[in-house]
N, C-alpha and C. Protein backbone atom coordinates (compact mmCIF):
# COMPACT_ATOMS: atom_id res chain seq x y z
N MET A 1 -11.12 44.38 165.51
CA MET A 1 -9.83 45.52 164.89
C MET A 1 -9.93 45.36 163.81
N ARG A 2 -9.24 46.52 163.18
CA ARG A 2 -8.95 46.64 161.51
C ARG A 2 -7.70 45.97 161.56
N GLN A 3 -7.48 45.33 160.41
CA GLN A 3 -6.16 44.59 160.29
C GLN A 3 -5.53 45.62 159.18
N ILE A 4 -4.42 45.97 159.27
CA ILE A 4 -3.60 47.14 158.65
C ILE A 4 -2.51 45.95 157.73
N ASP A 5 -2.45 46.20 156.51
CA ASP A 5 -1.64 45.73 155.28
C ASP A 5 -0.27 46.26 155.06
N PHE A 6 0.69 45.72 155.95
CA PHE A 6 1.83 46.80 155.52
C PHE A 6 2.63 46.23 154.59
N THR A 7 2.16 45.66 153.45
CA THR A 7 2.94 44.75 152.38
C THR A 7 3.36 46.18 151.66
N PRO A 8 2.77 47.32 151.15
CA PRO A 8 3.34 48.14 150.40
C PRO A 8 4.36 49.10 151.17
N TYR A 9 4.27 48.89 152.59
CA TYR A 9 5.37 49.53 153.44
C TYR A 9 6.99 48.87 153.00
N ARG A 10 6.66 47.35 153.24
CA ARG A 10 7.96 46.15 152.99
C ARG A 10 8.28 46.23 151.79
N ARG A 11 7.66 46.62 150.73
CA ARG A 11 8.23 46.68 149.26
C ARG A 11 9.11 47.89 149.46
N SER A 12 8.66 48.76 149.91
CA SER A 12 9.60 50.23 149.80
C SER A 12 10.48 50.62 151.03
N THR A 13 10.69 49.66 151.84
CA THR A 13 11.43 49.76 152.88
C THR A 13 12.35 48.97 153.30
N ILE A 14 13.78 49.20 153.62
CA ILE A 14 15.03 48.20 153.73
C ILE A 14 15.28 47.98 155.21
N GLY A 15 14.94 47.23 155.89
CA GLY A 15 15.66 47.16 157.18
C GLY A 15 14.44 47.14 158.44
N PHE A 16 13.40 47.30 158.10
CA PHE A 16 12.40 47.44 158.78
C PHE A 16 11.35 46.15 159.32
N ASP A 17 11.81 45.29 158.85
CA ASP A 17 11.15 44.10 159.02
C ASP A 17 10.90 43.60 160.27
N ARG A 18 11.83 43.84 161.11
CA ARG A 18 11.55 43.57 162.84
C ARG A 18 10.13 44.33 163.09
N LEU A 19 10.34 45.71 162.70
CA LEU A 19 9.23 46.63 163.17
C LEU A 19 7.96 46.24 162.48
N PHE A 20 7.68 46.09 161.12
CA PHE A 20 6.80 45.31 160.94
C PHE A 20 6.12 44.20 161.63
N ASP A 21 6.98 43.22 161.90
CA ASP A 21 6.71 41.80 162.32
C ASP A 21 6.18 42.33 163.79
N LEU A 22 6.46 43.27 164.28
CA LEU A 22 6.16 43.62 165.66
C LEU A 22 4.87 44.35 166.02
N LEU A 23 4.74 44.75 164.85
CA LEU A 23 3.52 45.56 164.52
C LEU A 23 2.28 44.64 164.29
N GLU A 24 2.62 43.73 163.42
CA GLU A 24 1.46 42.52 163.13
C GLU A 24 1.45 41.57 164.02
N ALA A 25 2.21 41.27 164.81
CA ALA A 25 1.91 40.54 165.89
C ALA A 25 1.28 40.99 166.97
N GLY A 26 1.41 42.63 167.14
CA GLY A 26 0.61 43.26 167.90
C GLY A 26 -0.99 43.38 167.83
N ASN A 27 -1.09 43.18 166.68
CA ASN A 27 -2.35 43.54 165.81
C ASN A 27 -2.96 42.43 165.96
N ARG A 28 -2.46 40.98 166.12
CA ARG A 28 -3.19 39.72 166.13
C ARG A 28 -4.10 39.94 167.40
N ALA A 29 -5.34 39.00 167.37
CA ALA A 29 -5.99 38.78 168.34
C ALA A 29 -5.23 37.82 169.27
N GLN A 30 -4.96 37.99 170.46
CA GLN A 30 -4.51 37.29 171.56
C GLN A 30 -5.29 37.77 172.58
N PRO A 31 -5.36 36.51 173.66
CA PRO A 31 -5.60 36.60 174.81
C PRO A 31 -4.84 37.49 175.70
N SER A 32 -5.40 38.76 176.23
CA SER A 32 -4.55 39.52 176.82
C SER A 32 -4.66 39.19 178.37
N GLU A 33 -3.20 39.11 178.67
CA GLU A 33 -2.88 38.58 180.00
C GLU A 33 -2.46 39.94 180.82
N ASN A 34 -3.25 40.10 181.91
CA ASN A 34 -3.21 41.53 182.74
C ASN A 34 -2.50 41.39 184.08
N TYR A 35 -1.74 40.18 184.19
CA TYR A 35 -1.33 39.95 185.72
C TYR A 35 0.30 39.56 185.34
N PRO A 36 1.26 40.16 186.00
CA PRO A 36 0.61 41.05 187.18
C PRO A 36 0.66 42.45 186.65
N PRO A 37 0.07 43.40 187.38
CA PRO A 37 0.10 44.90 186.47
C PRO A 37 1.10 45.53 186.61
N PHE A 38 1.24 46.20 185.80
CA PHE A 38 2.74 47.36 185.79
C PHE A 38 2.65 48.44 184.81
N ASN A 39 3.63 49.24 185.46
CA ASN A 39 3.76 50.67 184.62
C ASN A 39 4.98 50.78 184.02
N LEU A 40 4.54 51.62 182.98
CA LEU A 40 5.87 51.67 181.71
C LEU A 40 6.34 53.24 181.98
N GLU A 41 7.31 54.10 182.24
CA GLU A 41 7.65 55.19 182.29
C GLU A 41 8.86 55.63 181.95
N ARG A 42 8.89 56.85 181.28
CA ARG A 42 10.08 57.25 180.57
C ARG A 42 10.91 58.09 181.60
N VAL A 43 12.10 58.07 182.22
CA VAL A 43 12.62 58.49 183.33
C VAL A 43 13.26 59.81 182.65
N ALA A 44 14.01 59.74 181.78
CA ALA A 44 14.54 60.56 180.97
C ALA A 44 14.91 60.35 179.56
N GLU A 45 15.70 60.82 178.82
CA GLU A 45 15.55 60.93 177.39
C GLU A 45 16.15 59.55 176.96
N ASP A 46 17.11 58.97 177.68
CA ASP A 46 17.61 57.52 177.41
C ASP A 46 17.55 56.54 178.93
N ARG A 47 16.44 56.72 179.65
CA ARG A 47 16.15 55.93 180.66
C ARG A 47 14.64 55.71 180.82
N TYR A 48 14.41 54.63 181.10
CA TYR A 48 12.90 53.87 181.22
C TYR A 48 13.15 53.19 182.72
N ARG A 49 11.97 52.87 183.06
CA ARG A 49 11.42 52.30 184.19
C ARG A 49 10.19 51.34 184.07
N ILE A 50 10.37 49.82 184.34
CA ILE A 50 9.24 49.08 184.19
C ILE A 50 8.64 48.82 185.67
N THR A 51 8.09 48.93 186.31
CA THR A 51 7.51 48.71 187.57
C THR A 51 6.32 47.47 187.46
N LEU A 52 6.62 46.45 188.31
CA LEU A 52 5.50 45.41 188.23
C LEU A 52 5.13 45.21 189.58
N ALA A 53 3.63 45.08 189.73
CA ALA A 53 2.96 44.68 191.33
C ALA A 53 3.16 43.49 191.45
N VAL A 54 4.16 42.86 192.33
CA VAL A 54 4.40 41.27 192.60
C VAL A 54 4.07 41.18 193.99
N ALA A 55 3.15 41.42 194.51
CA ALA A 55 2.83 41.44 195.63
C ALA A 55 2.66 40.07 196.40
N GLY A 56 3.84 39.44 197.19
CA GLY A 56 3.62 37.81 197.71
C GLY A 56 4.84 37.13 196.80
N PHE A 57 5.59 38.02 196.11
CA PHE A 57 6.74 36.93 195.64
C PHE A 57 7.42 37.60 196.47
N ARG A 58 8.73 36.68 196.71
CA ARG A 58 10.34 36.94 197.14
C ARG A 58 10.96 37.02 196.02
N GLY A 59 12.06 37.66 196.05
CA GLY A 59 13.22 37.88 195.46
C GLY A 59 13.68 36.43 194.39
N ASP A 60 13.59 35.26 195.35
CA ASP A 60 14.24 34.18 194.98
C ASP A 60 13.01 33.49 194.00
N GLU A 61 11.97 34.02 194.22
CA GLU A 61 10.89 33.38 193.15
C GLU A 61 10.69 34.17 191.98
N LEU A 62 11.53 35.10 191.78
CA LEU A 62 11.18 36.06 190.44
C LEU A 62 12.36 35.66 189.81
N ASP A 63 12.25 36.07 188.44
CA ASP A 63 13.52 35.90 187.36
C ASP A 63 13.22 36.56 186.32
N ILE A 64 14.66 37.41 186.08
CA ILE A 64 14.71 38.52 185.19
C ILE A 64 15.59 38.02 184.03
N THR A 65 15.10 37.89 182.91
CA THR A 65 15.97 37.18 181.88
C THR A 65 16.16 38.27 180.42
N ALA A 66 17.40 39.04 180.55
CA ALA A 66 17.39 39.79 179.43
C ALA A 66 18.12 38.97 178.05
N GLN A 67 17.54 39.32 176.86
CA GLN A 67 17.98 38.74 175.71
C GLN A 67 18.14 39.92 174.89
N GLN A 68 18.62 39.75 173.61
CA GLN A 68 18.46 40.75 172.65
C GLN A 68 17.13 41.16 172.31
N ASN A 69 16.59 42.34 172.45
CA ASN A 69 15.43 43.02 172.25
C ASN A 69 14.44 42.35 172.84
N LEU A 70 14.82 41.52 174.05
CA LEU A 70 13.62 40.79 175.04
C LEU A 70 14.00 40.76 176.01
N LEU A 71 13.02 41.32 177.15
CA LEU A 71 12.98 41.19 178.59
C LEU A 71 11.89 40.17 179.01
N VAL A 72 12.37 39.36 179.90
CA VAL A 72 11.29 38.44 180.14
C VAL A 72 11.44 38.39 181.80
N VAL A 73 10.28 38.70 182.49
CA VAL A 73 10.19 38.80 183.70
C VAL A 73 9.27 37.66 184.29
N ALA A 74 9.65 36.65 185.28
CA ALA A 74 8.92 35.35 185.36
C ALA A 74 8.86 35.30 186.80
N GLY A 75 7.70 34.60 187.34
CA GLY A 75 7.62 34.45 188.77
C GLY A 75 6.87 33.24 188.87
N LYS A 76 7.43 32.51 189.57
CA LYS A 76 7.43 31.23 189.83
C LYS A 76 6.94 30.91 191.43
N LYS A 77 5.64 30.49 191.95
CA LYS A 77 5.30 30.71 193.29
C LYS A 77 5.19 28.63 193.37
N ALA A 78 5.65 28.82 194.42
CA ALA A 78 5.77 26.95 194.87
C ALA A 78 4.19 26.84 195.35
N ASP A 79 3.92 25.84 195.15
CA ASP A 79 2.40 25.20 195.21
C ASP A 79 2.56 24.64 196.51
N THR A 80 2.34 25.57 197.46
CA THR A 80 2.56 24.95 199.06
C THR A 80 0.77 25.28 199.76
N GLN A 81 0.21 24.12 199.99
CA GLN A 81 -1.18 24.33 200.64
C GLN A 81 -1.11 23.88 202.18
N ASP A 82 -1.33 24.96 203.06
CA ASP A 82 -1.19 24.84 204.12
C ASP A 82 -2.84 24.01 204.68
N ASN A 83 -2.54 22.96 204.61
CA ASN A 83 -3.97 22.04 205.34
C ASN A 83 -4.57 22.51 206.60
N ALA A 84 -4.20 23.34 207.45
CA ALA A 84 -4.40 23.49 208.84
C ALA A 84 -5.57 24.66 208.68
N ALA A 85 -5.22 25.52 207.73
CA ALA A 85 -5.77 26.76 207.40
C ALA A 85 -6.77 26.32 206.23
N GLN A 86 -7.77 26.89 206.36
CA GLN A 86 -9.23 27.06 205.28
C GLN A 86 -9.33 28.41 204.79
N MET A 87 -9.14 28.53 203.55
CA MET A 87 -9.22 29.66 203.12
C MET A 87 -10.73 29.96 202.74
N LEU A 88 -11.37 31.34 203.30
CA LEU A 88 -12.63 31.75 202.93
C LEU A 88 -12.96 32.40 201.68
N HIS A 89 -11.74 33.48 201.56
CA HIS A 89 -11.75 34.10 200.38
C HIS A 89 -10.53 34.32 199.78
N LEU A 90 -9.91 33.82 198.46
CA LEU A 90 -8.67 34.00 198.05
C LEU A 90 -8.39 35.18 197.22
N GLY A 91 -8.23 36.34 197.59
CA GLY A 91 -8.33 37.33 196.66
C GLY A 91 -7.31 37.63 196.14
N ILE A 92 -6.05 37.48 196.85
CA ILE A 92 -4.91 37.87 196.22
C ILE A 92 -4.17 36.87 195.38
N ALA A 93 -4.00 37.19 194.37
CA ALA A 93 -3.36 36.04 193.35
C ALA A 93 -2.07 35.40 193.71
N ASN A 94 -2.06 34.39 193.51
CA ASN A 94 -0.88 33.83 194.05
C ASN A 94 -0.51 32.64 192.89
N ARG A 95 -0.34 33.18 191.99
CA ARG A 95 -0.03 32.29 190.50
C ARG A 95 1.31 32.65 190.06
N SER A 96 1.78 31.64 189.26
CA SER A 96 2.80 31.99 188.43
C SER A 96 2.57 32.96 187.26
N PHE A 97 3.71 33.72 186.79
CA PHE A 97 3.23 34.58 185.75
C PHE A 97 4.75 34.43 184.79
N GLU A 98 4.42 35.13 183.41
CA GLU A 98 5.21 35.43 182.62
C GLU A 98 5.35 36.60 181.85
N ARG A 99 5.88 37.48 181.96
CA ARG A 99 5.52 38.81 181.44
C ARG A 99 6.72 38.92 180.30
N ARG A 100 6.50 39.13 178.92
CA ARG A 100 7.44 39.67 178.09
C ARG A 100 7.11 41.00 177.46
N PHE A 101 8.44 41.64 177.50
CA PHE A 101 8.59 42.92 177.18
C PHE A 101 9.68 43.11 175.77
N GLU A 102 9.01 43.47 174.59
CA GLU A 102 10.11 43.69 173.45
C GLU A 102 10.95 45.05 173.65
N LEU A 103 12.15 44.79 173.50
CA LEU A 103 12.93 46.21 173.91
C LEU A 103 13.57 46.61 172.44
N ALA A 104 13.70 47.68 172.28
CA ALA A 104 14.21 48.57 171.00
C ALA A 104 15.66 48.18 170.90
N ASP A 105 16.36 48.54 169.99
CA ASP A 105 17.87 48.01 169.82
C ASP A 105 18.90 49.07 170.80
N PHE A 106 19.58 48.76 171.39
CA PHE A 106 20.75 49.21 172.41
C PHE A 106 20.04 49.49 173.72
N ILE A 107 19.04 48.77 174.06
CA ILE A 107 18.40 49.11 175.50
C ILE A 107 18.72 47.95 176.34
N ARG A 108 19.23 48.26 177.36
CA ARG A 108 19.92 47.20 178.44
C ARG A 108 19.19 47.26 179.49
N VAL A 109 19.48 46.46 180.37
CA VAL A 109 18.55 46.47 181.82
C VAL A 109 20.06 46.84 182.71
N ALA A 110 19.70 47.91 183.30
CA ALA A 110 20.68 48.50 184.00
C ALA A 110 20.75 48.22 185.45
N ASP A 111 19.33 47.85 186.32
CA ASP A 111 19.41 46.93 187.56
C ASP A 111 17.86 46.88 187.40
N ALA A 112 17.60 46.04 188.59
CA ALA A 112 16.26 45.55 189.33
C ALA A 112 16.32 45.59 190.65
N ASP A 113 15.27 45.95 191.64
CA ASP A 113 14.95 46.33 192.91
C ASP A 113 13.63 45.48 193.23
N LEU A 114 13.57 45.11 194.33
CA LEU A 114 12.31 44.39 194.85
C LEU A 114 12.13 44.93 196.24
N LYS A 115 10.98 45.85 196.02
CA LYS A 115 10.72 46.69 197.71
C LYS A 115 9.42 46.83 197.81
N ASP A 116 8.50 46.49 198.97
CA ASP A 116 7.21 46.87 198.97
C ASP A 116 6.25 46.06 198.07
N GLY A 117 6.75 45.20 197.58
CA GLY A 117 5.85 44.34 196.83
C GLY A 117 6.13 44.53 195.10
N LEU A 118 6.94 45.78 194.76
CA LEU A 118 6.91 46.09 193.69
C LEU A 118 8.27 45.90 192.94
N LEU A 119 8.40 45.20 191.64
CA LEU A 119 10.01 44.90 191.32
C LEU A 119 9.75 46.28 190.10
N ILE A 120 11.15 46.78 190.20
CA ILE A 120 11.38 47.90 189.87
C ILE A 120 12.73 47.68 188.81
N ILE A 121 12.49 47.50 187.45
CA ILE A 121 13.37 47.35 186.73
C ILE A 121 13.53 48.63 185.70
N ASN A 122 15.42 49.09 185.86
CA ASN A 122 15.53 50.22 185.27
C ASN A 122 16.44 49.74 184.04
N LEU A 123 15.85 50.52 182.84
CA LEU A 123 16.52 50.31 181.69
C LEU A 123 17.11 51.70 180.92
N VAL A 124 18.21 51.30 180.38
CA VAL A 124 19.17 52.27 179.58
C VAL A 124 19.52 52.11 178.30
N ARG A 125 19.21 52.98 177.45
CA ARG A 125 19.46 53.01 176.13
C ARG A 125 20.99 53.69 175.98
N GLU A 126 21.69 52.75 175.35
CA GLU A 126 23.24 53.10 175.24
C GLU A 126 23.39 52.75 173.65
N VAL A 127 23.75 53.80 173.08
CA VAL A 127 24.20 53.99 171.87
C VAL A 127 25.90 53.65 171.41
N PRO A 128 25.98 52.88 170.74
CA PRO A 128 27.85 52.81 170.46
C PRO A 128 28.22 54.04 169.89
N GLU A 129 29.24 54.22 170.25
CA GLU A 129 30.17 55.21 169.48
C GLU A 129 30.01 55.48 168.34
N ALA A 130 30.08 54.24 167.58
CA ALA A 130 30.14 54.16 166.03
C ALA A 130 28.67 54.41 165.61
N MET A 131 28.01 54.53 166.25
CA MET A 131 26.19 54.86 165.82
C MET A 131 26.03 56.09 166.08
N LYS A 132 26.58 56.78 166.85
CA LYS A 132 26.20 58.13 167.19
C LYS A 132 26.68 59.09 166.24
N PRO A 133 25.67 60.15 165.96
CA PRO A 133 26.13 60.98 164.84
C PRO A 133 27.00 61.65 165.41
N LYS A 134 27.65 62.02 164.13
CA LYS A 134 29.16 63.07 163.86
C LYS A 134 29.03 64.31 163.13
N LYS A 135 29.82 64.87 163.59
CA LYS A 135 30.28 66.71 162.85
C LYS A 135 31.22 66.08 161.72
N VAL A 136 30.60 66.72 160.23
CA VAL A 136 31.55 66.59 159.46
C VAL A 136 32.17 68.04 159.35
N ALA A 137 33.15 68.37 159.37
CA ALA A 137 33.83 69.64 159.03
C ALA A 137 33.65 70.12 157.58
N ILE A 138 33.63 71.46 157.35
CA ILE A 138 33.28 71.44 155.70
C ILE A 138 34.62 72.40 155.26
N GLY A 139 35.13 72.03 154.53
CA GLY A 139 36.38 72.68 153.83
C GLY A 139 36.15 73.73 153.04
N SER A 140 37.50 74.51 152.62
CA SER A 140 37.00 75.48 152.02
C SER A 140 37.45 75.02 150.39
N GLY A 141 37.75 74.00 150.05
CA GLY A 141 37.89 73.39 148.57
C GLY A 141 39.32 73.07 148.27
N GLU A 142 40.54 73.93 149.19
CA GLU A 142 41.97 73.63 149.12
C GLU A 142 42.28 72.08 148.89
N SER A 143 41.64 71.32 150.09
CA SER A 143 42.03 70.08 150.28
C SER A 143 41.71 69.04 149.42
N VAL A 144 41.06 69.49 148.44
CA VAL A 144 40.12 68.78 147.28
C VAL A 144 41.58 69.00 146.07
N THR A 145 41.84 70.26 145.82
CA THR A 145 42.69 70.30 144.92
C THR A 145 44.51 69.85 145.21
N LYS A 146 44.58 69.97 146.26
CA LYS A 146 45.51 69.27 146.80
C LYS A 146 45.67 68.20 146.87
N SER A 147 44.51 67.33 147.07
CA SER A 147 44.55 65.63 146.96
C SER A 147 45.01 65.46 145.43
N ALA A 148 44.35 66.08 144.47
CA ALA A 148 44.36 66.05 142.91
C ALA A 148 45.72 65.98 142.72
N ALA A 149 46.31 67.09 143.26
CA ALA A 149 48.08 67.45 143.08
C ALA A 149 48.58 66.04 143.44
N ILE A 150 48.49 65.83 144.51
CA ILE A 150 49.00 64.65 145.06
C ILE A 150 49.20 63.51 144.25
N GLU A 151 47.94 63.15 143.51
CA GLU A 151 47.60 62.08 143.01
C GLU A 151 48.34 62.21 141.62
N ALA A 152 48.43 63.36 141.11
CA ALA A 152 48.73 63.48 140.00
C ALA A 152 50.53 62.91 139.60
N ARG A 153 50.75 63.63 140.67
CA ARG A 153 52.56 63.28 141.21
C ARG A 153 52.65 61.88 140.91
N ALA A 154 51.71 61.28 142.01
CA ALA A 154 51.90 59.55 142.09
C ALA A 154 51.68 58.83 140.69
N ALA A 155 51.03 59.50 140.02
CA ALA A 155 50.69 58.58 138.64
C ALA A 155 51.66 59.19 137.61
């Protein structure tokens, strides 16, 4: 895979450090873990869903931790060996896992549900009112002259 140098962009942008760090981390060669399989979907404009196939896990064996900009889903399987049964073929993965998802700003976990071996995590983007765009009214210029007149009287 080709390495991309983000240095020229880092010099001319401010506040995008986290984005460049994420891109560089994703670019590094790392062993790809593909267990458990999952789907990512966009449900609506500001709603997302992660679906993980966690067959064989109970709700008390799964742990979902939401931190700032990070979602960690972990499954801890107890090592129970049934000595009476001899496995002839072990095709169902029965191992512990930890899956990490980087979240954008203002994304929060709304809820999670375990049904039919699928862990469904719903995410919502909630932008604070202070960060939302606001309409600015355009005046006729009279308010500027009134303001100047008031300042002149005060001086």
